Amino acid sequence: MSSFISEERSAVKFMIAIIGFEFAMALIFGTGLPIAYYQNLQQLLVRQEMGIAALQTLLHLTSHLYTLIFIQTGLAHAMTPAPPPTHQVADLSLTEKLSWAARGRILTILAIFYIAIFRVLVFFTWAIALIPLVIAAAYDGWVQRKVAQFRFVYQSGQKHFIGNRASKIITYGLLLIFFLPIPIPPIAIIFWAVFLGLFSYLWMRNMPKRI
């Protein structure tokens, strides 16, 4: 059991490390142009698959939540250095140049959070219909396990292992889906739910009899 817990913690740490690496790259090399480009592509995919009305609603909710979390709490102001008094680079001191460079990169990081909020809302829009599917698949696997116990059917430890690991990896992968710096079509959430349901069924169906 301890080995399973340690491996799960390692998987979570790995996902968090990848997201941290993304933020570090944004802080070192980031500009707003790539973020704005792939956000436009992300919005285009949402509009094509969910419609213009859904896109406008999601953008409104995203702006509201972003303002509530980062603006009204003062986080954005605290994180962002004050802008230099002039936009002429030659007129800036070294400290002001560094402050200007840091300001642009921190604004890029805040833009990543904005996109993450947008994707979370897209996910929950689809999850209302898809999460019950995953729960039903897992419950069906549990019922099949109970039937197999009465029929003395062999429970595959290998299938249980595959289902357990794959379900957790797919679940943890949501962290990457929310922050991954590439446009993701909303239909990918359907595939996410289908695979999670299949592996959850496999996991519950082959649960050891002693549990």
Protein backbone atom coordinates (compact mmCIF):
# COMPACT_ATOMS: atom_id res chain seq x y z
CA MET A 1 0.00 0.00 0.00
CA SER A 2 2.83 2.39 0.88
CA SER A 3 4.41 1.81 -2.53
CA PHE A 4 1.13 2.74 -4.26
CA ILE A 5 0.83 5.94 -2.20
CA SER A 6 4.43 6.95 -2.88
CA GLU A 7 3.99 6.35 -6.61
CA GLU A 8 0.79 8.42 -6.64
CA ARG A 9 2.60 11.23 -4.87
CA SER A 10 5.40 10.97 -7.41
CA ALA A 11 2.87 11.25 -10.26
CA VAL A 12 1.30 14.36 -8.73
CA LYS A 13 4.72 15.91 -8.13
CA PHE A 14 5.66 15.18 -11.75
CA MET A 15 2.53 16.94 -13.05
CA ILE A 16 3.13 19.92 -10.77
CA ALA A 17 6.79 20.04 -11.85
CA ILE A 18 5.77 20.26 -15.52
CA ILE A 19 3.38 23.11 -14.76
CA GLY A 20 6.07 24.82 -12.69
CA PHE A 21 8.50 24.44 -15.59
CA GLU A 22 5.96 26.13 -17.88
CA PHE A 23 5.66 29.08 -15.51
CA ALA A 24 9.45 29.27 -15.19
CA MET A 25 9.84 29.40 -18.97
CA ALA A 26 7.15 32.08 -19.16
CA LEU A 27 8.98 34.09 -16.51
CA ILE A 28 12.34 33.77 -18.27
CA PHE A 29 11.45 33.87 -21.96
CA GLY A 30 7.73 34.61 -22.06
CA THR A 31 5.96 37.36 -23.96
CA GLY A 32 2.26 37.97 -24.38
CA LEU A 33 2.22 37.20 -28.11
CA PRO A 34 2.30 33.37 -27.98
CA ILE A 35 -0.23 33.34 -25.14
CA ALA A 36 -2.61 35.63 -27.04
CA TYR A 37 -2.17 33.52 -30.21
CA TYR A 38 -3.05 30.19 -28.66
CA GLN A 39 -5.86 31.74 -26.61
CA ASN A 40 -7.40 32.96 -29.88
CA LEU A 41 -7.07 29.47 -31.31
CA GLN A 42 -8.60 28.01 -28.14
CA GLN A 43 -11.57 30.35 -28.40
CA LEU A 44 -11.98 29.45 -32.09
CA LEU A 45 -12.15 25.74 -31.23
CA VAL A 46 -14.73 26.41 -28.49
CA ARG A 47 -16.82 28.54 -30.88
CA GLN A 48 -16.75 25.86 -33.58
CA GLU A 49 -17.79 23.04 -31.26
CA MET A 50 -20.01 24.81 -28.70
CA GLY A 51 -21.33 27.88 -30.54
CA ILE A 52 -20.85 31.63 -30.24
CA ALA A 53 -23.38 31.98 -27.40
CA ALA A 54 -21.54 29.42 -25.26
CA LEU A 55 -18.21 31.09 -26.01
CA GLN A 56 -19.49 34.51 -24.96
CA THR A 57 -20.93 33.07 -21.75
CA LEU A 58 -17.66 31.30 -20.94
CA LEU A 59 -15.61 34.43 -21.61
CA HIS A 60 -17.92 36.47 -19.37
CA LEU A 61 -17.63 33.95 -16.53
CA THR A 62 -13.86 33.71 -17.01
CA SER A 63 -13.43 37.48 -16.78
CA HIS A 64 -15.66 37.59 -13.71
CA LEU A 65 -13.74 34.83 -11.91
CA TYR A 66 -10.36 36.26 -12.93
CA THR A 67 -11.37 39.67 -11.57
CA LEU A 68 -12.66 38.08 -8.37
CA ILE A 69 -9.50 36.02 -7.78
CA PHE A 70 -6.71 38.30 -9.01
CA ILE A 71 -8.00 41.87 -9.23
CA GLN A 72 -10.32 42.33 -6.27
CA THR A 73 -7.98 40.43 -3.95
CA GLY A 74 -5.05 42.61 -5.05
CA LEU A 75 -2.93 39.64 -6.18
CA ALA A 76 -2.36 41.03 -9.68
CA HIS A 77 -1.32 44.43 -8.29
CA ALA A 78 1.00 42.83 -5.72
CA MET A 79 2.64 40.56 -8.30
CA THR A 80 3.08 43.15 -11.04
CA PRO A 81 5.84 45.80 -10.74
CA ALA A 82 4.88 49.40 -11.39
CA PRO A 83 5.44 50.43 -15.04
CA PRO A 84 8.41 52.69 -15.80
CA PRO A 85 7.61 56.37 -16.35
CA THR A 86 8.39 56.21 -20.09
CA HIS A 87 8.24 53.69 -22.92
CA GLN A 88 11.52 54.92 -24.43
CA VAL A 89 13.98 52.15 -23.59
CA ALA A 90 16.99 54.45 -23.99
CA ASP A 91 15.63 56.73 -21.25
CA LEU A 92 15.29 53.93 -18.70
CA SER A 93 17.79 53.02 -16.03
CA LEU A 94 18.94 49.41 -15.61
CA THR A 95 16.55 48.92 -12.71
CA GLU A 96 13.63 50.30 -14.73
CA LYS A 97 14.53 48.07 -17.68
CA LEU A 98 14.54 45.01 -15.43
CA SER A 99 11.25 46.13 -13.90
CA TRP A 100 9.71 46.56 -17.37
CA ALA A 101 10.93 43.11 -18.46
CA ALA A 102 9.61 41.50 -15.27
CA ARG A 103 6.26 43.24 -15.66
CA GLY A 104 5.68 41.78 -19.13
CA ARG A 105 6.56 38.28 -18.02
CA ILE A 106 4.38 38.40 -14.92
CA LEU A 107 1.47 39.61 -17.06
CA THR A 108 2.13 36.57 -19.27
CA ILE A 109 1.89 34.29 -16.22
CA LEU A 110 -1.38 35.95 -15.22
CA ALA A 111 -2.63 35.35 -18.77
CA ILE A 112 -1.86 31.63 -18.33
CA PHE A 113 -4.06 31.63 -15.23
CA TYR A 114 -6.81 33.35 -17.24
CA ILE A 115 -6.67 30.60 -19.86
CA ALA A 116 -6.64 27.93 -17.13
CA ILE A 117 -9.84 29.38 -15.65
CA PHE A 118 -11.40 29.40 -19.13
CA ARG A 119 -10.51 25.75 -19.65
CA VAL A 120 -11.81 24.74 -16.23
CA LEU A 121 -15.16 26.31 -17.12
CA VAL A 122 -15.20 24.49 -20.48
CA PHE A 123 -14.44 21.24 -18.66
CA PHE A 124 -17.26 21.69 -16.15
CA THR A 125 -19.67 22.56 -18.96
CA TRP A 126 -19.09 19.11 -20.46
CA ALA A 127 -18.46 17.34 -17.14
CA ILE A 128 -22.06 17.87 -16.04
CA ALA A 129 -23.05 15.27 -18.61
CA LEU A 130 -19.87 13.16 -18.65
CA ILE A 131 -19.04 12.63 -14.97
CA PRO A 132 -22.23 10.55 -14.42
CA LEU A 133 -21.00 8.35 -17.30
CA VAL A 134 -17.71 7.74 -15.49
CA ILE A 135 -19.50 7.01 -12.20
CA ALA A 136 -21.87 4.59 -13.95
CA ALA A 137 -18.96 2.75 -15.58
CA ALA A 138 -17.12 2.42 -12.25
CA TYR A 139 -20.30 1.23 -10.51
CA ASP A 140 -20.93 -1.30 -13.27
CA GLY A 141 -17.44 -2.64 -12.75
CA TRP A 142 -18.09 -2.91 -9.00
CA VAL A 143 -21.33 -4.84 -9.63
CA GLN A 144 -19.55 -7.17 -12.06
CA ARG A 145 -16.93 -7.78 -9.36
CA LYS A 146 -19.64 -8.76 -6.88
CA VAL A 147 -21.14 -11.15 -9.44
CA ALA A 148 -17.71 -12.64 -10.12
CA GLN A 149 -17.21 -13.26 -6.39
CA PHE A 150 -20.34 -15.41 -6.20
CA ARG A 151 -19.35 -17.27 -9.37
CA PHE A 152 -15.74 -17.75 -8.16
CA VAL A 153 -14.37 -16.10 -11.30
CA TYR A 154 -10.65 -15.27 -11.33
CA GLN A 155 -9.83 -11.60 -10.74
CA SER A 156 -6.96 -10.43 -12.93
CA GLY A 157 -4.34 -8.65 -10.87
CA GLN A 158 -2.72 -7.31 -14.03
CA LYS A 159 -5.97 -5.75 -15.27
CA HIS A 160 -6.56 -4.28 -11.80
CA PHE A 161 -3.08 -2.76 -11.87
CA ILE A 162 -3.57 -1.30 -15.36
CA GLY A 163 -7.00 0.09 -14.53
CA ASN A 164 -5.79 1.59 -11.26
CA ARG A 165 -2.75 3.30 -12.72
CA ALA A 166 -4.41 4.48 -15.92
CA SER A 167 -7.40 5.95 -14.05
CA LYS A 168 -5.14 7.94 -11.74
CA ILE A 169 -2.87 9.14 -14.54
CA ILE A 170 -5.88 10.30 -16.57
CA THR A 171 -7.30 12.07 -13.51
CA TYR A 172 -4.00 13.79 -12.68
CA GLY A 173 -3.65 14.68 -16.35
CA LEU A 174 -6.39 17.28 -15.87
CA LEU A 175 -3.74 19.51 -14.31
CA LEU A 176 -1.83 19.44 -17.58
CA ILE A 177 -4.95 19.92 -19.69
CA PHE A 178 -5.78 23.12 -17.83
CA PHE A 179 -2.28 24.61 -18.14
CA LEU A 180 -0.83 23.00 -21.28
CA PRO A 181 0.24 25.80 -23.66
CA ILE A 182 -1.44 24.39 -26.77
CA PRO A 183 -5.06 24.76 -27.98
CA ILE A 184 -7.20 21.81 -26.89
CA PRO A 185 -10.54 21.13 -28.61
CA PRO A 186 -13.46 20.70 -26.20
CA ILE A 187 -14.24 17.31 -27.75
CA ALA A 188 -11.03 16.05 -26.10
CA ILE A 189 -12.96 16.15 -22.81
CA ILE A 190 -15.30 13.48 -24.20
CA PHE A 191 -12.36 11.19 -24.95
CA TRP A 192 -10.96 11.95 -21.47
CA ALA A 193 -14.24 10.87 -19.86
CA VAL A 194 -14.58 7.75 -22.04
CA PHE A 195 -11.07 6.53 -21.24
CA LEU A 196 -11.51 7.33 -17.55
CA GLY A 197 -14.77 5.38 -17.54
CA LEU A 198 -13.23 2.37 -19.30
CA PHE A 199 -10.22 2.18 -16.99
CA SER A 200 -12.40 2.81 -13.91
CA TYR A 201 -14.57 -0.12 -14.99
CA LEU A 202 -11.45 -2.26 -15.46
CA TRP A 203 -10.16 -1.20 -12.06
CA MET A 204 -13.39 -1.95 -10.16
CA ARG A 205 -14.16 -5.10 -12.16
CA ASN A 206 -10.84 -6.70 -11.17
CA MET A 207 -10.64 -5.45 -7.59
CA PRO A 208 -9.07 -8.18 -5.41
CA LYS A 209 -11.62 -10.25 -3.49
CA ARG A 210 -10.03 -9.45 -0.12
CA ILE A 211 -10.98 -5.76 -0.44
